[in-house]
Amino acid sequence: MTMKVILQENVEGVGHLGDLLDVSDGFARNYLLPRQKALEANPRNVKALEHAKRVMAEKVKKEKLEIEALAKKMSAVSVTIQAQVGKDDKLFGSVTVKDIAEGLAEQGFTVDRRKIQLTHPIKELGTVAVPVKLHRDVTATVSIHVVKKQDAPQDSGEV
C-alpha cells in the first residue's frame, strides 16, 4: 500500500519541501507523519499547498522586480576610493570588499559585503567594474574608481 503525502521540509533521499509523493504506508505513519515532516495529501491539504505555492511565486516575482530596480540604480552609481600610494603610484595595501561596501553605504546602498564579488583585492589606481550579486538571478555592476589620496600641499620653502 502507498500513501500520498506532502513534504513539510526537505527529507534526505526522499524529496524537498512541498513535494507531493507516494510513499509506503508504514514509512508515512511511522516516520513522516509523527515527526511532522509530511502531511497526508487529502484534497484540502493539496489545495492549501497549491495556494501557498501561488502566493510564494507572486511574492518572489514582486521581490525580484524590486531587486532589479535596485540593481539598475546601483549600476548607475560609481564609487571613488582614495588610496595612499607610494613610489611609481603603487598602492599601500589594497582596496578590499570592505572598502567597497563602505563606499556604497556612503552612496545610500547597504550591501552585505559577502555579496560583492571581487575576485582579488584591487592593487592599482584606475577604474574597475565590480559585480554585486543582489539575488540569485540579479547582479549589479558597480564601477570603482581608485584614485590617489591628495595629501595636504607641502610647503617646500621656496619663494
N, C-alpha and C. Protein backbone atom coordinates (compact mmCIF):
# COMPACT_ATOMS: atom_id res chain seq x y z
N MET A 1 0.84 -1.19 0.00
CA MET A 1 0.00 0.00 0.00
C MET A 1 0.88 1.25 0.00
N THR A 2 0.42 2.25 -0.69
CA THR A 2 1.13 3.54 -0.67
C THR A 2 0.19 4.63 -0.21
N MET A 3 0.81 5.69 0.23
CA MET A 3 0.04 6.84 0.72
C MET A 3 0.62 8.09 0.06
N LYS A 4 -0.23 9.00 -0.36
CA LYS A 4 0.23 10.28 -0.91
C LYS A 4 0.45 11.23 0.24
N VAL A 5 1.64 11.87 0.25
CA VAL A 5 1.96 12.84 1.30
C VAL A 5 2.55 14.09 0.67
N ILE A 6 2.46 15.20 1.40
CA ILE A 6 3.08 16.47 1.01
C ILE A 6 4.18 16.73 2.02
N LEU A 7 5.43 16.86 1.55
CA LEU A 7 6.54 17.09 2.47
C LEU A 7 6.49 18.50 3.05
N GLN A 8 6.72 18.60 4.34
CA GLN A 8 6.73 19.88 5.05
C GLN A 8 8.15 20.44 5.16
N GLU A 9 9.16 19.62 4.86
CA GLU A 9 10.56 20.06 4.90
C GLU A 9 11.34 19.14 3.97
N ASN A 10 12.60 19.49 3.72
CA ASN A 10 13.45 18.64 2.90
C ASN A 10 13.79 17.38 3.69
N VAL A 11 13.59 16.22 3.08
CA VAL A 11 13.93 14.95 3.72
C VAL A 11 14.97 14.27 2.83
N GLU A 12 16.17 14.07 3.38
CA GLU A 12 17.29 13.49 2.63
C GLU A 12 16.90 12.17 1.98
N GLY A 13 17.13 12.06 0.69
CA GLY A 13 16.85 10.83 -0.03
C GLY A 13 15.38 10.62 -0.37
N VAL A 14 14.49 11.52 0.06
CA VAL A 14 13.06 11.35 -0.20
C VAL A 14 12.56 12.46 -1.12
N GLY A 15 12.77 13.73 -0.72
CA GLY A 15 12.29 14.83 -1.55
C GLY A 15 12.48 16.16 -0.85
N HIS A 16 11.93 17.20 -1.48
CA HIS A 16 12.08 18.57 -0.99
C HIS A 16 10.75 19.13 -0.49
N LEU A 17 10.84 20.22 0.23
CA LEU A 17 9.68 20.93 0.77
C LEU A 17 8.63 21.14 -0.33
N GLY A 18 7.38 20.77 -0.03
CA GLY A 18 6.29 20.99 -0.96
C GLY A 18 6.09 19.89 -1.99
N ASP A 19 6.97 18.88 -2.01
CA ASP A 19 6.80 17.79 -2.97
C ASP A 19 5.58 16.95 -2.61
N LEU A 20 4.87 16.48 -3.62
CA LEU A 20 3.73 15.57 -3.45
C LEU A 20 4.25 14.19 -3.86
N LEU A 21 4.33 13.26 -2.88
CA LEU A 21 4.97 11.97 -3.13
C LEU A 21 4.07 10.80 -2.76
N ASP A 22 4.36 9.66 -3.39
CA ASP A 22 3.77 8.38 -2.98
C ASP A 22 4.84 7.68 -2.14
N VAL A 23 4.51 7.39 -0.88
CA VAL A 23 5.43 6.64 -0.01
C VAL A 23 4.66 5.48 0.59
N SER A 24 5.39 4.51 1.14
CA SER A 24 4.71 3.36 1.73
C SER A 24 3.93 3.81 2.96
N ASP A 25 2.85 3.11 3.25
CA ASP A 25 2.02 3.41 4.42
C ASP A 25 2.84 3.44 5.69
N GLY A 26 3.67 2.42 5.88
CA GLY A 26 4.45 2.31 7.11
C GLY A 26 5.41 3.49 7.28
N PHE A 27 6.10 3.86 6.19
CA PHE A 27 7.03 4.99 6.25
C PHE A 27 6.30 6.28 6.62
N ALA A 28 5.15 6.49 6.02
CA ALA A 28 4.36 7.69 6.30
C ALA A 28 3.87 7.69 7.75
N ARG A 29 3.22 6.58 8.17
CA ARG A 29 2.62 6.53 9.52
C ARG A 29 3.65 6.49 10.63
N ASN A 30 4.77 5.80 10.40
CA ASN A 30 5.74 5.60 11.47
C ASN A 30 6.85 6.64 11.51
N TYR A 31 7.11 7.32 10.39
CA TYR A 31 8.23 8.26 10.38
C TYR A 31 7.80 9.68 10.00
N LEU A 32 7.25 9.84 8.80
CA LEU A 32 6.97 11.19 8.29
C LEU A 32 5.89 11.92 9.08
N LEU A 33 4.75 11.29 9.29
CA LEU A 33 3.64 11.97 9.95
C LEU A 33 3.92 12.27 11.44
N PRO A 34 4.42 11.30 12.24
CA PRO A 34 4.67 11.61 13.66
C PRO A 34 5.72 12.70 13.87
N ARG A 35 6.70 12.78 12.97
CA ARG A 35 7.76 13.79 13.10
C ARG A 35 7.38 15.09 12.40
N GLN A 36 6.18 15.16 11.89
CA GLN A 36 5.64 16.32 11.18
C GLN A 36 6.53 16.78 10.03
N LYS A 37 7.09 15.78 9.36
CA LYS A 37 7.88 16.06 8.16
C LYS A 37 7.00 16.04 6.92
N ALA A 38 5.75 15.55 7.08
CA ALA A 38 4.82 15.48 5.95
C ALA A 38 3.39 15.58 6.44
N LEU A 39 2.51 15.94 5.50
CA LEU A 39 1.06 15.95 5.74
C LEU A 39 0.43 14.94 4.79
N GLU A 40 -0.66 14.34 5.21
CA GLU A 40 -1.38 13.46 4.31
C GLU A 40 -1.94 14.32 3.17
N ALA A 41 -1.85 13.81 1.94
CA ALA A 41 -2.26 14.59 0.77
C ALA A 41 -3.75 14.43 0.51
N ASN A 42 -4.60 14.91 1.41
CA ASN A 42 -6.03 14.90 1.15
C ASN A 42 -6.36 16.14 0.30
N PRO A 43 -7.54 16.20 -0.30
CA PRO A 43 -7.87 17.33 -1.19
C PRO A 43 -7.67 18.71 -0.54
N ARG A 44 -8.01 18.81 0.75
CA ARG A 44 -7.87 20.10 1.43
C ARG A 44 -6.40 20.52 1.54
N ASN A 45 -5.53 19.59 1.93
CA ASN A 45 -4.11 19.90 2.05
C ASN A 45 -3.47 20.20 0.69
N VAL A 46 -3.90 19.50 -0.36
CA VAL A 46 -3.37 19.74 -1.70
C VAL A 46 -3.75 21.15 -2.16
N LYS A 47 -5.01 21.54 -1.91
CA LYS A 47 -5.46 22.91 -2.28
C LYS A 47 -4.64 23.95 -1.52
N ALA A 48 -4.42 23.72 -0.21
CA ALA A 48 -3.64 24.65 0.60
C ALA A 48 -2.23 24.76 0.07
N LEU A 49 -1.63 23.64 -0.33
CA LEU A 49 -0.27 23.63 -0.89
C LEU A 49 -0.22 24.45 -2.18
N GLU A 50 -1.19 24.22 -3.07
CA GLU A 50 -1.21 24.95 -4.34
C GLU A 50 -1.37 26.45 -4.11
N HIS A 51 -2.23 26.80 -3.15
CA HIS A 51 -2.42 28.21 -2.82
C HIS A 51 -1.12 28.81 -2.28
N ALA A 52 -0.47 28.09 -1.38
CA ALA A 52 0.79 28.58 -0.79
C ALA A 52 1.85 28.76 -1.87
N LYS A 53 1.89 27.83 -2.83
CA LYS A 53 2.87 27.94 -3.93
C LYS A 53 2.59 29.18 -4.79
N ARG A 54 1.29 29.44 -5.07
CA ARG A 54 0.94 30.63 -5.87
C ARG A 54 1.34 31.91 -5.14
N VAL A 55 1.01 31.95 -3.82
CA VAL A 55 1.35 33.14 -3.03
C VAL A 55 2.85 33.35 -3.02
N MET A 56 3.61 32.26 -2.82
CA MET A 56 5.07 32.35 -2.80
C MET A 56 5.60 32.84 -4.14
N ALA A 57 5.05 32.32 -5.24
CA ALA A 57 5.51 32.72 -6.57
C ALA A 57 5.27 34.21 -6.79
N GLU A 58 4.11 34.71 -6.38
CA GLU A 58 3.81 36.15 -6.51
C GLU A 58 4.80 36.97 -5.69
N LYS A 59 5.05 36.53 -4.46
CA LYS A 59 5.96 37.26 -3.57
C LYS A 59 7.37 37.29 -4.16
N VAL A 60 7.84 36.15 -4.67
CA VAL A 60 9.17 36.06 -5.26
C VAL A 60 9.26 36.97 -6.49
N LYS A 61 8.20 36.98 -7.31
CA LYS A 61 8.18 37.82 -8.52
C LYS A 61 8.27 39.30 -8.14
N LYS A 62 7.49 39.71 -7.13
CA LYS A 62 7.50 41.10 -6.69
C LYS A 62 8.87 41.49 -6.13
N GLU A 63 9.45 40.62 -5.29
CA GLU A 63 10.78 40.90 -4.72
C GLU A 63 11.81 41.02 -5.83
N LYS A 64 11.74 40.14 -6.82
CA LYS A 64 12.71 40.17 -7.91
C LYS A 64 12.61 41.49 -8.68
N LEU A 65 11.39 41.98 -8.92
CA LEU A 65 11.23 43.26 -9.62
C LEU A 65 11.85 44.40 -8.81
N GLU A 66 11.63 44.37 -7.48
CA GLU A 66 12.22 45.41 -6.62
C GLU A 66 13.74 45.34 -6.65
N ILE A 67 14.28 44.12 -6.61
CA ILE A 67 15.73 43.94 -6.62
C ILE A 67 16.31 44.37 -7.96
N GLU A 68 15.59 44.10 -9.06
CA GLU A 68 16.06 44.53 -10.38
C GLU A 68 16.11 46.05 -10.47
N ALA A 69 15.11 46.73 -9.88
CA ALA A 69 15.11 48.20 -9.86
C ALA A 69 16.30 48.71 -9.06
N LEU A 70 16.56 48.08 -7.91
CA LEU A 70 17.72 48.46 -7.09
C LEU A 70 19.01 48.23 -7.86
N ALA A 71 19.11 47.12 -8.59
CA ALA A 71 20.31 46.82 -9.37
C ALA A 71 20.54 47.88 -10.44
N LYS A 72 19.45 48.33 -11.06
CA LYS A 72 19.58 49.37 -12.10
C LYS A 72 20.13 50.66 -11.50
N LYS A 73 19.58 51.04 -10.31
CA LYS A 73 20.07 52.25 -9.63
C LYS A 73 21.53 52.08 -9.23
N MET A 74 21.85 50.89 -8.68
CA MET A 74 23.21 50.66 -8.19
C MET A 74 24.22 50.64 -9.33
N SER A 75 23.82 50.12 -10.49
CA SER A 75 24.74 50.06 -11.62
C SER A 75 25.05 51.45 -12.17
N ALA A 76 24.17 52.42 -11.91
CA ALA A 76 24.40 53.79 -12.37
C ALA A 76 25.37 54.55 -11.46
N VAL A 77 25.65 53.97 -10.30
CA VAL A 77 26.50 54.65 -9.31
C VAL A 77 27.95 54.26 -9.51
N SER A 78 28.83 55.23 -9.24
CA SER A 78 30.25 54.89 -9.22
C SER A 78 30.80 55.32 -7.86
N VAL A 79 31.71 54.52 -7.35
CA VAL A 79 32.30 54.78 -6.04
C VAL A 79 33.74 55.18 -6.25
N THR A 80 34.14 56.29 -5.63
CA THR A 80 35.52 56.72 -5.71
C THR A 80 36.18 56.44 -4.37
N ILE A 81 37.27 55.71 -4.42
CA ILE A 81 38.00 55.37 -3.19
C ILE A 81 39.39 55.98 -3.30
N GLN A 82 39.72 56.78 -2.28
CA GLN A 82 41.06 57.37 -2.26
C GLN A 82 41.99 56.44 -1.52
N ALA A 83 43.13 56.17 -2.12
CA ALA A 83 44.09 55.27 -1.51
C ALA A 83 45.46 55.92 -1.46
N GLN A 84 46.22 55.60 -0.43
CA GLN A 84 47.58 56.12 -0.34
C GLN A 84 48.46 55.36 -1.31
N VAL A 85 49.29 56.12 -2.01
CA VAL A 85 50.20 55.50 -2.97
C VAL A 85 51.63 55.87 -2.62
N GLY A 86 52.51 55.01 -3.02
CA GLY A 86 53.93 55.27 -2.80
C GLY A 86 54.60 55.57 -4.13
N LYS A 87 55.86 55.20 -4.22
CA LYS A 87 56.64 55.44 -5.43
C LYS A 87 56.01 54.69 -6.60
N ASP A 88 56.05 55.26 -7.78
CA ASP A 88 55.50 54.67 -9.01
C ASP A 88 54.00 54.39 -8.90
N ASP A 89 53.28 55.18 -8.10
CA ASP A 89 51.84 55.03 -7.93
C ASP A 89 51.42 53.63 -7.51
N LYS A 90 52.23 52.98 -6.70
CA LYS A 90 51.87 51.67 -6.14
C LYS A 90 51.05 51.90 -4.88
N LEU A 91 49.95 51.17 -4.73
CA LEU A 91 49.10 51.32 -3.54
C LEU A 91 49.78 50.75 -2.31
N PHE A 92 49.57 51.43 -1.17
CA PHE A 92 49.93 50.85 0.12
C PHE A 92 48.74 49.99 0.49
N GLY A 93 48.92 48.68 0.56
CA GLY A 93 47.79 47.81 0.85
C GLY A 93 46.97 47.62 -0.42
N SER A 94 45.66 47.46 -0.25
CA SER A 94 44.79 47.25 -1.41
C SER A 94 43.38 47.67 -1.07
N VAL A 95 42.57 47.80 -2.10
CA VAL A 95 41.16 48.13 -1.91
C VAL A 95 40.42 46.80 -1.81
N THR A 96 39.70 46.61 -0.71
CA THR A 96 39.04 45.32 -0.47
C THR A 96 37.53 45.47 -0.54
N VAL A 97 36.85 44.36 -0.36
CA VAL A 97 35.39 44.31 -0.35
C VAL A 97 34.84 45.24 0.73
N LYS A 98 35.52 45.29 1.87
CA LYS A 98 35.08 46.14 2.97
C LYS A 98 35.06 47.62 2.54
N ASP A 99 36.12 48.05 1.84
CA ASP A 99 36.19 49.44 1.36
C ASP A 99 35.07 49.74 0.37
N ILE A 100 34.78 48.77 -0.50
CA ILE A 100 33.72 48.96 -1.49
C ILE A 100 32.36 49.04 -0.80
N ALA A 101 32.13 48.17 0.20
CA ALA A 101 30.86 48.19 0.94
C ALA A 101 30.68 49.53 1.65
N GLU A 102 31.77 50.07 2.24
CA GLU A 102 31.68 51.38 2.90
C GLU A 102 31.39 52.48 1.89
N GLY A 103 32.01 52.41 0.71
CA GLY A 103 31.76 53.39 -0.34
C GLY A 103 30.32 53.35 -0.82
N LEU A 104 29.77 52.15 -0.94
CA LEU A 104 28.36 52.02 -1.34
C LEU A 104 27.44 52.53 -0.25
N ALA A 105 27.79 52.30 1.02
CA ALA A 105 26.98 52.78 2.14
C ALA A 105 26.92 54.30 2.13
N GLU A 106 28.03 54.95 1.79
CA GLU A 106 28.05 56.42 1.71
C GLU A 106 27.11 56.91 0.61
N GLN A 107 26.92 56.09 -0.43
CA GLN A 107 26.02 56.45 -1.53
C GLN A 107 24.56 56.09 -1.21
N GLY A 108 24.34 55.44 -0.06
CA GLY A 108 22.99 55.09 0.33
C GLY A 108 22.58 53.67 0.02
N PHE A 109 23.53 52.81 -0.36
CA PHE A 109 23.23 51.40 -0.66
C PHE A 109 23.85 50.54 0.43
N THR A 110 23.00 49.86 1.19
CA THR A 110 23.51 48.94 2.20
C THR A 110 23.61 47.56 1.58
N VAL A 111 24.83 47.07 1.47
CA VAL A 111 25.07 45.78 0.81
C VAL A 111 25.91 44.92 1.74
N ASP A 112 25.49 43.67 1.90
CA ASP A 112 26.28 42.70 2.64
C ASP A 112 27.57 42.47 1.86
N ARG A 113 28.71 42.61 2.50
CA ARG A 113 29.95 42.55 1.74
C ARG A 113 30.23 41.17 1.16
N ARG A 114 29.56 40.13 1.63
CA ARG A 114 29.72 38.80 1.03
C ARG A 114 29.09 38.75 -0.36
N LYS A 115 28.24 39.72 -0.68
CA LYS A 115 27.58 39.74 -1.99
C LYS A 115 28.42 40.47 -3.04
N ILE A 116 29.46 41.17 -2.59
CA ILE A 116 30.34 41.87 -3.53
C ILE A 116 31.34 40.85 -4.06
N GLN A 117 31.32 40.64 -5.36
CA GLN A 117 32.12 39.57 -5.95
C GLN A 117 33.43 40.09 -6.53
N LEU A 118 34.34 40.41 -5.63
CA LEU A 118 35.66 40.89 -6.01
C LEU A 118 36.58 39.67 -6.02
N THR A 119 37.08 39.29 -7.20
CA THR A 119 37.88 38.07 -7.28
C THR A 119 39.18 38.19 -6.51
N HIS A 120 39.79 39.36 -6.56
CA HIS A 120 41.00 39.61 -5.78
C HIS A 120 41.06 41.10 -5.46
N PRO A 121 41.70 41.48 -4.34
CA PRO A 121 41.75 42.90 -3.96
C PRO A 121 42.37 43.76 -5.06
N ILE A 122 41.88 45.00 -5.16
CA ILE A 122 42.37 45.93 -6.18
C ILE A 122 43.69 46.52 -5.67
N LYS A 123 44.74 46.40 -6.48
CA LYS A 123 46.06 46.84 -6.02
C LYS A 123 46.65 47.96 -6.88
N GLU A 124 45.86 48.53 -7.79
CA GLU A 124 46.39 49.64 -8.57
C GLU A 124 45.33 50.71 -8.79
N LEU A 125 45.80 51.89 -9.18
CA LEU A 125 44.90 53.00 -9.45
C LEU A 125 44.13 52.70 -10.74
N GLY A 126 42.96 53.29 -10.85
CA GLY A 126 42.18 53.11 -12.07
C GLY A 126 40.74 52.79 -11.77
N THR A 127 40.01 52.35 -12.80
CA THR A 127 38.60 52.04 -12.67
C THR A 127 38.40 50.53 -12.87
N VAL A 128 37.63 49.96 -11.96
CA VAL A 128 37.36 48.53 -12.03
C VAL A 128 35.84 48.32 -11.92
N ALA A 129 35.29 47.46 -12.76
CA ALA A 129 33.87 47.12 -12.67
C ALA A 129 33.75 45.92 -11.73
N VAL A 130 32.96 46.08 -10.67
CA VAL A 130 32.82 45.03 -9.67
C VAL A 130 31.37 44.55 -9.63
N PRO A 131 31.14 43.25 -9.83
CA PRO A 131 29.78 42.73 -9.74
C PRO A 131 29.31 42.60 -8.29
N VAL A 132 28.04 42.94 -8.04
CA VAL A 132 27.42 42.79 -6.73
C VAL A 132 26.20 41.91 -6.92
N LYS A 133 26.22 40.71 -6.34
CA LYS A 133 25.12 39.76 -6.52
C LYS A 133 24.02 40.09 -5.51
N LEU A 134 22.90 40.63 -5.98
CA LEU A 134 21.80 41.04 -5.11
C LEU A 134 20.79 39.92 -4.91
N HIS A 135 20.72 39.02 -5.86
CA HIS A 135 19.73 37.94 -5.85
C HIS A 135 20.33 36.84 -6.71
N ARG A 136 19.83 35.63 -6.62
CA ARG A 136 20.48 34.57 -7.40
C ARG A 136 20.39 34.82 -8.89
N ASP A 137 19.42 35.62 -9.35
CA ASP A 137 19.30 35.93 -10.77
C ASP A 137 19.66 37.37 -11.12
N VAL A 138 19.96 38.20 -10.12
CA VAL A 138 20.18 39.63 -10.37
C VAL A 138 21.55 40.06 -9.86
N THR A 139 22.36 40.61 -10.77
CA THR A 139 23.68 41.10 -10.40
C THR A 139 23.83 42.53 -10.91
N ALA A 140 24.24 43.43 -10.03
CA ALA A 140 24.51 44.81 -10.44
C ALA A 140 26.01 44.95 -10.63
N THR A 141 26.44 45.85 -11.51
CA THR A 141 27.85 46.09 -11.71
C THR A 141 28.15 47.53 -11.30
N VAL A 142 29.03 47.67 -10.32
CA VAL A 142 29.37 49.00 -9.80
C VAL A 142 30.78 49.33 -10.25
N SER A 143 30.99 50.57 -10.76
CA SER A 143 32.36 50.92 -11.14
C SER A 143 33.04 51.59 -9.95
N ILE A 144 34.23 51.10 -9.67
CA ILE A 144 35.03 51.58 -8.55
C ILE A 144 36.21 52.34 -9.12
N HIS A 145 36.33 53.62 -8.74
CA HIS A 145 37.46 54.45 -9.18
C HIS A 145 38.44 54.53 -8.01
N VAL A 146 39.63 54.03 -8.22
CA VAL A 146 40.66 54.12 -7.19
C VAL A 146 41.57 55.27 -7.59
N VAL A 147 41.62 56.30 -6.72
CA VAL A 147 42.41 57.49 -7.02
C VAL A 147 43.43 57.73 -5.91
N LYS A 148 44.42 58.55 -6.25
CA LYS A 148 45.46 58.91 -5.30
C LYS A 148 44.88 59.77 -4.19
N LYS A 149 45.24 59.48 -2.96
CA LYS A 149 44.80 60.33 -1.86
C LYS A 149 45.63 61.60 -1.93
N GLN A 150 44.92 62.73 -1.99
CA GLN A 150 45.62 64.01 -2.08
C GLN A 150 46.10 64.44 -0.71
N ASP A 151 47.39 64.51 -0.54
CA ASP A 151 47.94 64.99 0.73
C ASP A 151 47.81 66.49 0.77
N ALA A 152 47.89 67.03 2.00
CA ALA A 152 47.88 68.48 2.14
C ALA A 152 49.11 69.00 1.41
N PRO A 153 48.96 70.12 0.68
CA PRO A 153 50.13 70.63 -0.06
C PRO A 153 51.28 70.91 0.92
N GLN A 154 52.44 70.41 0.55
CA GLN A 154 53.61 70.62 1.42
C GLN A 154 54.29 71.92 1.04
N ASP A 155 54.75 72.62 2.06
CA ASP A 155 55.46 73.88 1.82
C ASP A 155 56.92 73.54 1.60
N SER A 156 57.39 73.72 0.37
CA SER A 156 58.77 73.35 0.04
C SER A 156 59.77 74.38 0.54
N GLY A 157 59.30 75.51 0.96
CA GLY A 157 60.19 76.54 1.48
C GLY A 157 60.75 77.44 0.41
N GLU A 158 60.44 77.19 -0.84
CA GLU A 158 60.93 78.04 -1.92
C GLU A 158 60.01 79.23 -2.09
N VAL A 159 60.62 80.34 -2.55
CA VAL A 159 59.84 81.55 -2.77
C VAL A 159 59.92 81.97 -4.20
